[in-house]
Amino acid sequence: MRRIYTNYCSWKICIAVAVFMNFAFAYGGPVIKDTIYLHSKKAKAKQSYLKNGLPFSLPPVKPGVTSYVKFTVNHQDDKLLSDVEVYPNPATDLINLKYDLSRNSNVSIKIMDVLGNDIATVFQQRVDLGEQKFSYSISNKLSRGFYFVKIVAGTESVIKRISIL
């Protein structure tokens, strides 16, 4: 379809150019220069909207003088959730989680199966910044196999794989 359309449009363009050139060169007279000169009128000087100037004065600029200002910026784009560890792996009856938060946040810890289905939400509340530790007993709650522990803090999430024996 595209090839037919392109072929059709190219023929239309060729015919249009041929007709245009026929009319453009049919007169046979001298070639007229088609340059247009623009002359702009000088605009009147406008008065300032502030009649008395600026309401404050700026310090004078001294060439060759450089001043340095030391400042610190709190980066909000740093990782909120870091140093996530799940141990022991493989686990038999207890899993321990350790993570570090860079600022206060809502934290949710979920256990998921291999297909991504939620098995259990083991923790969900607001947590202060700093290193956090959490333990969860899995005896008689999870059968043998592979699972994922998903830790969500704010908009960030970390997923760790665990083995249950």
N, C-alpha and C. Protein backbone atom coordinates (compact mmCIF):
# COMPACT_ATOMS: atom_id res chain seq x y z
N MET A 1 0.83 -1.19 0.00
CA MET A 1 0.00 0.00 0.00
C MET A 1 0.87 1.25 0.00
N ARG A 2 1.93 1.22 0.79
CA ARG A 2 2.80 2.38 0.90
C ARG A 2 3.50 2.67 -0.43
N ARG A 3 3.92 1.63 -1.13
CA ARG A 3 4.63 1.79 -2.40
C ARG A 3 3.71 2.40 -3.46
N ILE A 4 2.46 1.95 -3.49
CA ILE A 4 1.50 2.48 -4.46
C ILE A 4 1.24 3.96 -4.17
N TYR A 5 1.07 4.30 -2.90
CA TYR A 5 0.81 5.68 -2.51
C TYR A 5 1.99 6.58 -2.86
N THR A 6 3.22 6.12 -2.60
CA THR A 6 4.42 6.90 -2.91
C THR A 6 4.54 7.11 -4.42
N ASN A 7 4.30 6.08 -5.19
CA ASN A 7 4.37 6.18 -6.64
C ASN A 7 3.33 7.17 -7.16
N TYR A 8 2.13 7.11 -6.65
CA TYR A 8 1.04 7.99 -7.05
C TYR A 8 1.38 9.45 -6.71
N CYS A 9 1.88 9.69 -5.50
CA CYS A 9 2.21 11.05 -5.09
C CYS A 9 3.40 11.60 -5.87
N SER A 10 4.38 10.79 -6.19
CA SER A 10 5.53 11.28 -6.95
C SER A 10 5.11 11.70 -8.35
N TRP A 11 4.17 10.98 -8.98
CA TRP A 11 3.68 11.40 -10.29
C TRP A 11 2.92 12.71 -10.19
N LYS A 12 2.16 12.90 -9.14
CA LYS A 12 1.43 14.16 -8.95
C LYS A 12 2.41 15.33 -8.83
N ILE A 13 3.49 15.12 -8.08
CA ILE A 13 4.48 16.18 -7.89
C ILE A 13 5.18 16.49 -9.21
N CYS A 14 5.53 15.50 -9.98
CA CYS A 14 6.19 15.72 -11.28
C CYS A 14 5.29 16.51 -12.23
N ILE A 15 4.03 16.18 -12.29
CA ILE A 15 3.10 16.89 -13.16
C ILE A 15 2.93 18.33 -12.69
N ALA A 16 2.83 18.54 -11.37
CA ALA A 16 2.68 19.90 -10.84
C ALA A 16 3.91 20.75 -11.15
N VAL A 17 5.11 20.19 -11.04
CA VAL A 17 6.34 20.93 -11.35
C VAL A 17 6.40 21.27 -12.83
N ALA A 18 6.00 20.34 -13.70
CA ALA A 18 6.01 20.59 -15.15
C ALA A 18 5.05 21.71 -15.52
N VAL A 19 3.86 21.71 -14.94
CA VAL A 19 2.88 22.77 -15.21
C VAL A 19 3.40 24.11 -14.71
N PHE A 20 3.97 24.13 -13.53
CA PHE A 20 4.51 25.37 -12.97
C PHE A 20 5.64 25.93 -13.84
N MET A 21 6.55 25.09 -14.28
CA MET A 21 7.66 25.55 -15.12
C MET A 21 7.15 26.04 -16.47
N ASN A 22 6.12 25.43 -16.98
CA ASN A 22 5.54 25.85 -18.25
C ASN A 22 5.02 27.27 -18.13
N PHE A 23 4.29 27.57 -17.05
CA PHE A 23 3.78 28.93 -16.86
C PHE A 23 4.89 29.91 -16.51
N ALA A 24 5.90 29.49 -15.79
CA ALA A 24 6.96 30.40 -15.35
C ALA A 24 7.83 30.87 -16.51
N PHE A 25 8.13 30.01 -17.46
CA PHE A 25 9.03 30.37 -18.55
C PHE A 25 8.31 30.61 -19.88
N ALA A 26 7.01 30.64 -19.89
CA ALA A 26 6.26 30.80 -21.13
C ALA A 26 6.28 32.24 -21.62
N TYR A 27 6.48 33.22 -20.77
CA TYR A 27 6.38 34.62 -21.15
C TYR A 27 7.47 34.99 -22.14
N GLY A 28 8.69 34.55 -21.91
CA GLY A 28 9.77 34.80 -22.84
C GLY A 28 10.40 36.17 -22.71
N GLY A 29 9.94 37.01 -21.81
CA GLY A 29 10.50 38.34 -21.62
C GLY A 29 11.75 38.28 -20.76
N PRO A 30 12.30 39.44 -20.45
CA PRO A 30 13.49 39.47 -19.61
C PRO A 30 13.18 38.95 -18.20
N VAL A 31 14.17 38.39 -17.60
CA VAL A 31 14.00 37.85 -16.25
C VAL A 31 13.93 39.02 -15.28
N ILE A 32 12.91 39.04 -14.48
CA ILE A 32 12.71 40.13 -13.52
C ILE A 32 13.30 39.71 -12.19
N LYS A 33 14.02 40.64 -11.62
CA LYS A 33 14.62 40.38 -10.32
C LYS A 33 13.51 40.44 -9.28
N ASP A 34 13.44 39.45 -8.43
CA ASP A 34 12.35 39.40 -7.46
C ASP A 34 12.83 39.65 -6.04
N THR A 35 13.70 40.61 -5.88
CA THR A 35 14.21 40.94 -4.56
C THR A 35 13.32 42.02 -3.94
N ILE A 36 13.00 41.85 -2.69
CA ILE A 36 12.19 42.83 -1.97
C ILE A 36 13.05 43.43 -0.89
N TYR A 37 13.03 44.76 -0.81
CA TYR A 37 13.78 45.46 0.22
C TYR A 37 12.82 45.88 1.32
N LEU A 38 13.19 45.59 2.54
CA LEU A 38 12.38 45.98 3.69
C LEU A 38 13.05 47.15 4.38
N HIS A 39 12.29 48.20 4.59
CA HIS A 39 12.78 49.37 5.31
C HIS A 39 11.98 49.45 6.60
N SER A 40 12.67 49.35 7.71
CA SER A 40 11.96 49.40 8.98
C SER A 40 11.95 50.83 9.50
N LYS A 41 10.86 51.17 10.12
CA LYS A 41 10.75 52.49 10.73
C LYS A 41 11.39 52.42 12.10
N LYS A 42 12.03 53.48 12.48
CA LYS A 42 12.69 53.52 13.78
C LYS A 42 11.61 53.65 14.85
N ALA A 43 11.63 52.74 15.79
CA ALA A 43 10.63 52.75 16.86
C ALA A 43 10.94 53.85 17.86
N LYS A 44 9.88 54.41 18.41
CA LYS A 44 10.06 55.45 19.43
C LYS A 44 10.56 54.81 20.71
N ALA A 45 11.36 55.55 21.42
CA ALA A 45 11.88 55.05 22.70
C ALA A 45 10.73 54.99 23.69
N LYS A 46 10.55 53.84 24.31
CA LYS A 46 9.48 53.67 25.29
C LYS A 46 9.96 54.09 26.66
N GLN A 47 9.05 54.63 27.43
CA GLN A 47 9.40 55.02 28.78
C GLN A 47 9.31 53.80 29.69
N SER A 48 10.04 53.87 30.77
CA SER A 48 10.08 52.77 31.72
C SER A 48 8.75 52.67 32.46
N TYR A 49 8.37 51.45 32.77
CA TYR A 49 7.17 51.25 33.57
C TYR A 49 7.41 51.68 35.01
N LEU A 50 8.63 51.57 35.46
CA LEU A 50 8.98 52.03 36.80
C LEU A 50 9.49 53.46 36.67
N LYS A 51 8.72 54.42 37.12
CA LYS A 51 9.09 55.83 36.93
C LYS A 51 10.34 56.20 37.70
N ASN A 52 10.52 55.64 38.88
CA ASN A 52 11.66 56.00 39.72
C ASN A 52 12.79 54.97 39.61
N GLY A 53 12.72 54.10 38.66
CA GLY A 53 13.74 53.07 38.52
C GLY A 53 13.40 51.85 39.37
N LEU A 54 14.42 51.11 39.74
CA LEU A 54 14.22 49.92 40.55
C LEU A 54 14.04 50.29 42.01
N PRO A 55 13.25 49.54 42.77
CA PRO A 55 13.04 49.86 44.19
C PRO A 55 14.21 49.45 45.08
N PHE A 56 15.28 48.94 44.50
CA PHE A 56 16.46 48.55 45.27
C PHE A 56 17.69 48.89 44.45
N SER A 57 18.82 48.90 45.11
CA SER A 57 20.05 49.21 44.39
C SER A 57 20.91 47.96 44.32
N LEU A 58 21.57 47.78 43.19
CA LEU A 58 22.45 46.64 42.99
C LEU A 58 23.86 47.02 43.39
N PRO A 59 24.61 46.09 43.98
CA PRO A 59 26.00 46.42 44.34
C PRO A 59 26.84 46.60 43.08
N PRO A 60 27.85 47.45 43.14
CA PRO A 60 28.68 47.65 41.96
C PRO A 60 29.48 46.39 41.63
N VAL A 61 29.69 46.18 40.37
CA VAL A 61 30.44 45.02 39.91
C VAL A 61 31.90 45.41 39.80
N LYS A 62 32.76 44.65 40.47
CA LYS A 62 34.19 44.91 40.42
C LYS A 62 34.84 43.84 39.56
N PRO A 63 35.46 44.23 38.47
CA PRO A 63 36.09 43.22 37.62
C PRO A 63 37.29 42.59 38.30
N GLY A 64 37.48 41.31 38.07
CA GLY A 64 38.63 40.61 38.61
C GLY A 64 38.46 40.12 40.03
N VAL A 65 37.32 40.37 40.66
CA VAL A 65 37.09 39.93 42.03
C VAL A 65 36.16 38.72 41.98
N THR A 66 36.60 37.63 42.58
CA THR A 66 35.81 36.41 42.59
C THR A 66 35.49 36.05 44.03
N SER A 67 34.24 35.73 44.29
CA SER A 67 33.86 35.31 45.63
C SER A 67 33.37 33.87 45.56
N TYR A 68 33.68 33.13 46.60
CA TYR A 68 33.29 31.73 46.66
C TYR A 68 32.33 31.55 47.82
N VAL A 69 31.26 30.83 47.56
CA VAL A 69 30.27 30.54 48.59
C VAL A 69 30.17 29.03 48.69
N LYS A 70 30.37 28.50 49.89
CA LYS A 70 30.27 27.06 50.09
C LYS A 70 28.85 26.76 50.57
N PHE A 71 28.21 25.85 49.88
CA PHE A 71 26.87 25.46 50.28
C PHE A 71 26.71 23.96 50.08
N THR A 72 25.77 23.41 50.83
CA THR A 72 25.48 21.98 50.71
C THR A 72 24.05 21.84 50.21
N VAL A 73 23.85 20.85 49.39
CA VAL A 73 22.54 20.59 48.82
C VAL A 73 22.08 19.23 49.30
N ASN A 74 20.87 19.17 49.82
CA ASN A 74 20.29 17.90 50.24
C ASN A 74 19.68 17.24 49.00
N HIS A 75 20.31 16.19 48.51
CA HIS A 75 19.85 15.53 47.30
C HIS A 75 18.64 14.67 47.60
N GLN A 76 17.51 15.02 46.99
CA GLN A 76 16.32 14.21 47.14
C GLN A 76 16.32 13.06 46.14
N ASP A 77 17.25 13.08 45.17
CA ASP A 77 17.28 12.02 44.18
C ASP A 77 18.15 10.84 44.61
N ASP A 78 18.75 10.92 45.82
CA ASP A 78 19.52 9.79 46.33
C ASP A 78 18.58 8.63 46.61
N LYS A 79 19.15 7.45 46.67
CA LYS A 79 18.33 6.27 46.93
C LYS A 79 17.75 6.33 48.34
N LEU A 80 16.47 6.09 48.42
CA LEU A 80 15.78 6.07 49.70
C LEU A 80 16.06 4.76 50.43
N LEU A 81 16.13 3.67 49.72
CA LEU A 81 16.30 2.34 50.28
C LEU A 81 17.63 1.77 49.81
N SER A 82 18.50 1.40 50.75
CA SER A 82 19.80 0.87 50.36
C SER A 82 20.25 -0.20 51.35
N ASP A 83 21.31 -0.90 50.99
CA ASP A 83 21.93 -1.93 51.83
C ASP A 83 20.91 -2.96 52.32
N VAL A 84 20.12 -3.50 51.41
CA VAL A 84 19.10 -4.48 51.77
C VAL A 84 19.74 -5.86 51.83
N GLU A 85 19.55 -6.54 52.97
CA GLU A 85 20.08 -7.89 53.15
C GLU A 85 18.98 -8.77 53.72
N VAL A 86 18.87 -9.98 53.19
CA VAL A 86 17.96 -11.00 53.71
C VAL A 86 18.81 -12.20 54.06
N TYR A 87 18.77 -12.61 55.32
CA TYR A 87 19.61 -13.72 55.76
C TYR A 87 18.87 -14.51 56.82
N PRO A 88 19.15 -15.73 57.10
CA PRO A 88 20.01 -16.65 56.37
C PRO A 88 19.33 -17.09 55.09
N ASN A 89 20.12 -17.45 54.13
CA ASN A 89 19.57 -17.93 52.87
C ASN A 89 20.39 -19.13 52.44
N PRO A 90 19.88 -20.31 52.46
CA PRO A 90 18.50 -20.75 52.65
C PRO A 90 18.06 -20.69 54.12
N ALA A 91 16.77 -20.48 54.31
CA ALA A 91 16.21 -20.35 55.66
C ALA A 91 15.36 -21.57 55.98
N THR A 92 15.23 -21.83 57.29
CA THR A 92 14.41 -22.97 57.72
C THR A 92 13.21 -22.52 58.54
N ASP A 93 13.43 -21.62 59.51
CA ASP A 93 12.31 -21.22 60.37
C ASP A 93 12.23 -19.72 60.62
N LEU A 94 13.24 -18.95 60.25
CA LEU A 94 13.26 -17.52 60.54
C LEU A 94 14.05 -16.80 59.45
N ILE A 95 13.51 -15.66 58.98
CA ILE A 95 14.29 -14.81 58.07
C ILE A 95 14.50 -13.46 58.73
N ASN A 96 15.67 -12.92 58.53
CA ASN A 96 16.02 -11.60 59.07
C ASN A 96 16.24 -10.66 57.90
N LEU A 97 15.74 -9.44 58.06
CA LEU A 97 15.93 -8.41 57.04
C LEU A 97 16.65 -7.24 57.66
N LYS A 98 17.58 -6.67 56.90
CA LYS A 98 18.28 -5.47 57.34
C LYS A 98 18.30 -4.52 56.16
N TYR A 99 17.92 -3.26 56.38
CA TYR A 99 17.91 -2.26 55.31
C TYR A 99 18.18 -0.90 55.91
N ASP A 100 18.53 0.04 55.05
CA ASP A 100 18.88 1.39 55.49
C ASP A 100 18.00 2.38 54.74
N LEU A 101 17.36 3.30 55.48
CA LEU A 101 16.52 4.34 54.89
C LEU A 101 17.23 5.68 55.00
N SER A 102 17.21 6.48 53.94
CA SER A 102 17.85 7.79 53.98
C SER A 102 16.93 8.87 54.51
N ARG A 103 15.63 8.61 54.59
CA ARG A 103 14.67 9.55 55.20
C ARG A 103 13.43 8.77 55.64
N ASN A 104 12.60 9.38 56.47
CA ASN A 104 11.39 8.73 56.96
C ASN A 104 10.49 8.36 55.79
N SER A 105 9.91 7.16 55.87
CA SER A 105 9.10 6.70 54.75
C SER A 105 8.16 5.58 55.20
N ASN A 106 7.12 5.35 54.40
CA ASN A 106 6.25 4.19 54.61
C ASN A 106 6.94 2.97 54.01
N VAL A 107 7.05 1.92 54.81
CA VAL A 107 7.74 0.70 54.37
C VAL A 107 6.76 -0.46 54.39
N SER A 108 6.83 -1.26 53.33
CA SER A 108 6.00 -2.45 53.22
C SER A 108 6.90 -3.62 52.84
N ILE A 109 6.75 -4.74 53.57
CA ILE A 109 7.53 -5.94 53.29
C ILE A 109 6.55 -7.07 52.97
N LYS A 110 6.70 -7.64 51.77
CA LYS A 110 5.79 -8.70 51.32
C LYS A 110 6.61 -9.91 50.90
N ILE A 111 6.00 -11.09 51.05
CA ILE A 111 6.58 -12.33 50.55
C ILE A 111 5.75 -12.76 49.36
N MET A 112 6.43 -13.05 48.24
CA MET A 112 5.75 -13.43 47.00
C MET A 112 6.28 -14.78 46.53
N ASP A 113 5.42 -15.51 45.81
CA ASP A 113 5.88 -16.78 45.24
C ASP A 113 6.60 -16.51 43.91
N VAL A 114 7.01 -17.57 43.24
CA VAL A 114 7.80 -17.44 42.01
C VAL A 114 7.00 -16.75 40.90
N LEU A 115 5.68 -16.88 40.91
CA LEU A 115 4.83 -16.26 39.90
C LEU A 115 4.53 -14.79 40.19
N GLY A 116 4.95 -14.29 41.35
CA GLY A 116 4.70 -12.90 41.70
C GLY A 116 3.43 -12.68 42.50
N ASN A 117 2.76 -13.76 42.91
CA ASN A 117 1.55 -13.63 43.72
C ASN A 117 1.94 -13.35 45.17
N ASP A 118 1.21 -12.43 45.81
CA ASP A 118 1.48 -12.10 47.21
C ASP A 118 1.07 -13.27 48.10
N ILE A 119 2.01 -13.75 48.91
CA ILE A 119 1.73 -14.81 49.87
C ILE A 119 1.35 -14.20 51.21
N ALA A 120 2.14 -13.20 51.65
CA ALA A 120 1.87 -12.57 52.94
C ALA A 120 2.47 -11.16 52.95
N THR A 121 1.76 -10.25 53.62
CA THR A 121 2.31 -8.93 53.91
C THR A 121 2.75 -8.99 55.36
N VAL A 122 4.05 -8.98 55.59
CA VAL A 122 4.57 -9.22 56.94
C VAL A 122 4.83 -7.94 57.71
N PHE A 123 4.90 -6.79 57.02
CA PHE A 123 5.19 -5.54 57.70
C PHE A 123 4.70 -4.40 56.82
N GLN A 124 4.02 -3.42 57.46
CA GLN A 124 3.58 -2.25 56.72
C GLN A 124 3.30 -1.11 57.69
N GLN A 125 4.22 -0.15 57.75
CA GLN A 125 4.04 1.03 58.60
C GLN A 125 5.10 2.07 58.28
N ARG A 126 4.98 3.24 58.91
CA ARG A 126 5.94 4.34 58.71
C ARG A 126 7.17 4.07 59.57
N VAL A 127 8.36 4.24 58.96
CA VAL A 127 9.61 3.91 59.64
C VAL A 127 10.53 5.13 59.58
N ASP A 128 11.28 5.34 60.68
CA ASP A 128 12.24 6.44 60.74
C ASP A 128 13.47 6.13 59.91
N LEU A 129 14.25 7.17 59.62
CA LEU A 129 15.46 6.98 58.84
C LEU A 129 16.51 6.24 59.64
N GLY A 130 17.46 5.66 58.93
CA GLY A 130 18.54 4.91 59.58
C GLY A 130 18.47 3.43 59.25
N GLU A 131 19.34 2.67 59.91
CA GLU A 131 19.38 1.23 59.69
C GLU A 131 18.24 0.56 60.44
N GLN A 132 17.53 -0.32 59.76
CA GLN A 132 16.38 -1.01 60.33
C GLN A 132 16.61 -2.51 60.23
N LYS A 133 16.12 -3.24 61.25
CA LYS A 133 16.20 -4.70 61.26
C LYS A 133 14.82 -5.25 61.53
N PHE A 134 14.52 -6.39 60.88
CA PHE A 134 13.21 -7.00 61.02
C PHE A 134 13.37 -8.51 60.93
N SER A 135 12.66 -9.23 61.79
CA SER A 135 12.69 -10.70 61.79
C SER A 135 11.28 -11.22 61.60
N TYR A 136 11.15 -12.34 60.89
CA TYR A 136 9.85 -12.93 60.62
C TYR A 136 9.98 -14.44 60.70
N SER A 137 9.10 -15.04 61.48
CA SER A 137 9.10 -16.49 61.65
C SER A 137 8.32 -17.13 60.50
N ILE A 138 8.97 -18.06 59.80
CA ILE A 138 8.33 -18.71 58.66
C ILE A 138 7.99 -20.17 58.93
N SER A 139 8.22 -20.63 60.16
CA SER A 139 7.97 -22.04 60.45
C SER A 139 6.47 -22.33 60.30
N ASN A 140 6.15 -23.38 59.54
CA ASN A 140 4.78 -23.84 59.26
C ASN A 140 3.95 -22.80 58.49
N LYS A 141 4.56 -21.78 57.91
CA LYS A 141 3.83 -20.78 57.12
C LYS A 141 4.13 -20.89 55.63
N LEU A 142 5.35 -21.30 55.32
CA LEU A 142 5.76 -21.42 53.92
C LEU A 142 6.27 -22.83 53.67
N SER A 143 5.89 -23.39 52.54
CA SER A 143 6.40 -24.71 52.17
C SER A 143 7.77 -24.55 51.51
N ARG A 144 8.43 -25.67 51.28
CA ARG A 144 9.76 -25.63 50.67
C ARG A 144 9.68 -25.04 49.27
N GLY A 145 10.73 -24.30 48.91
CA GLY A 145 10.79 -23.73 47.56
C GLY A 145 11.44 -22.36 47.55
N PHE A 146 11.30 -21.70 46.43
CA PHE A 146 11.86 -20.36 46.25
C PHE A 146 10.77 -19.32 46.41
N TYR A 147 11.10 -18.24 47.09
CA TYR A 147 10.19 -17.12 47.30
C TYR A 147 10.96 -15.82 47.09
N PHE A 148 10.21 -14.74 46.97
CA PHE A 148 10.80 -13.42 46.85
C PHE A 148 10.31 -12.54 47.99
N VAL A 149 11.23 -11.76 48.55
CA VAL A 149 10.88 -10.78 49.58
C VAL A 149 10.94 -9.42 48.91
N LYS A 150 9.81 -8.71 48.89
CA LYS A 150 9.73 -7.40 48.25
C LYS A 150 9.62 -6.34 49.33
N ILE A 151 10.60 -5.43 49.35
CA ILE A 151 10.62 -4.34 50.32
C ILE A 151 10.34 -3.06 49.55
N VAL A 152 9.25 -2.37 49.90
CA VAL A 152 8.86 -1.13 49.24
C VAL A 152 8.97 0.01 50.24
N ALA A 153 9.74 1.04 49.88
CA ALA A 153 9.87 2.24 50.71
C ALA A 153 9.56 3.44 49.82
N GLY A 154 8.45 4.10 50.08
CA GLY A 154 8.04 5.23 49.24
C GLY A 154 7.72 4.71 47.84
N THR A 155 8.47 5.18 46.85
CA THR A 155 8.26 4.74 45.47
C THR A 155 9.33 3.75 45.02
N GLU A 156 10.29 3.44 45.88
CA GLU A 156 11.36 2.51 45.53
C GLU A 156 11.05 1.11 46.06
N SER A 157 11.51 0.11 45.33
CA SER A 157 11.32 -1.26 45.80
C SER A 157 12.57 -2.08 45.49
N VAL A 158 12.83 -3.03 46.37
CA VAL A 158 13.94 -3.96 46.21
C VAL A 158 13.37 -5.36 46.40
N ILE A 159 13.74 -6.27 45.50
CA ILE A 159 13.26 -7.65 45.58
C ILE A 159 14.46 -8.56 45.76
N LYS A 160 14.39 -9.41 46.81
CA LYS A 160 15.44 -10.38 47.10
C LYS A 160 14.85 -11.78 47.05
N ARG A 161 15.64 -12.74 46.55
CA ARG A 161 15.19 -14.13 46.45
C ARG A 161 15.65 -14.89 47.68
N ILE A 162 14.76 -15.73 48.22
CA ILE A 162 15.12 -16.59 49.35
C ILE A 162 14.73 -18.02 49.03
N SER A 163 15.42 -18.96 49.67
CA SER A 163 15.12 -20.38 49.56
C SER A 163 14.64 -20.87 50.91
N ILE A 164 13.56 -21.63 50.91
CA ILE A 164 13.02 -22.20 52.15
C ILE A 164 13.26 -23.71 52.09
N LEU A 165 13.90 -24.23 53.14
CA LEU A 165 14.17 -25.67 53.23
C LEU A 165 13.17 -26.35 54.13
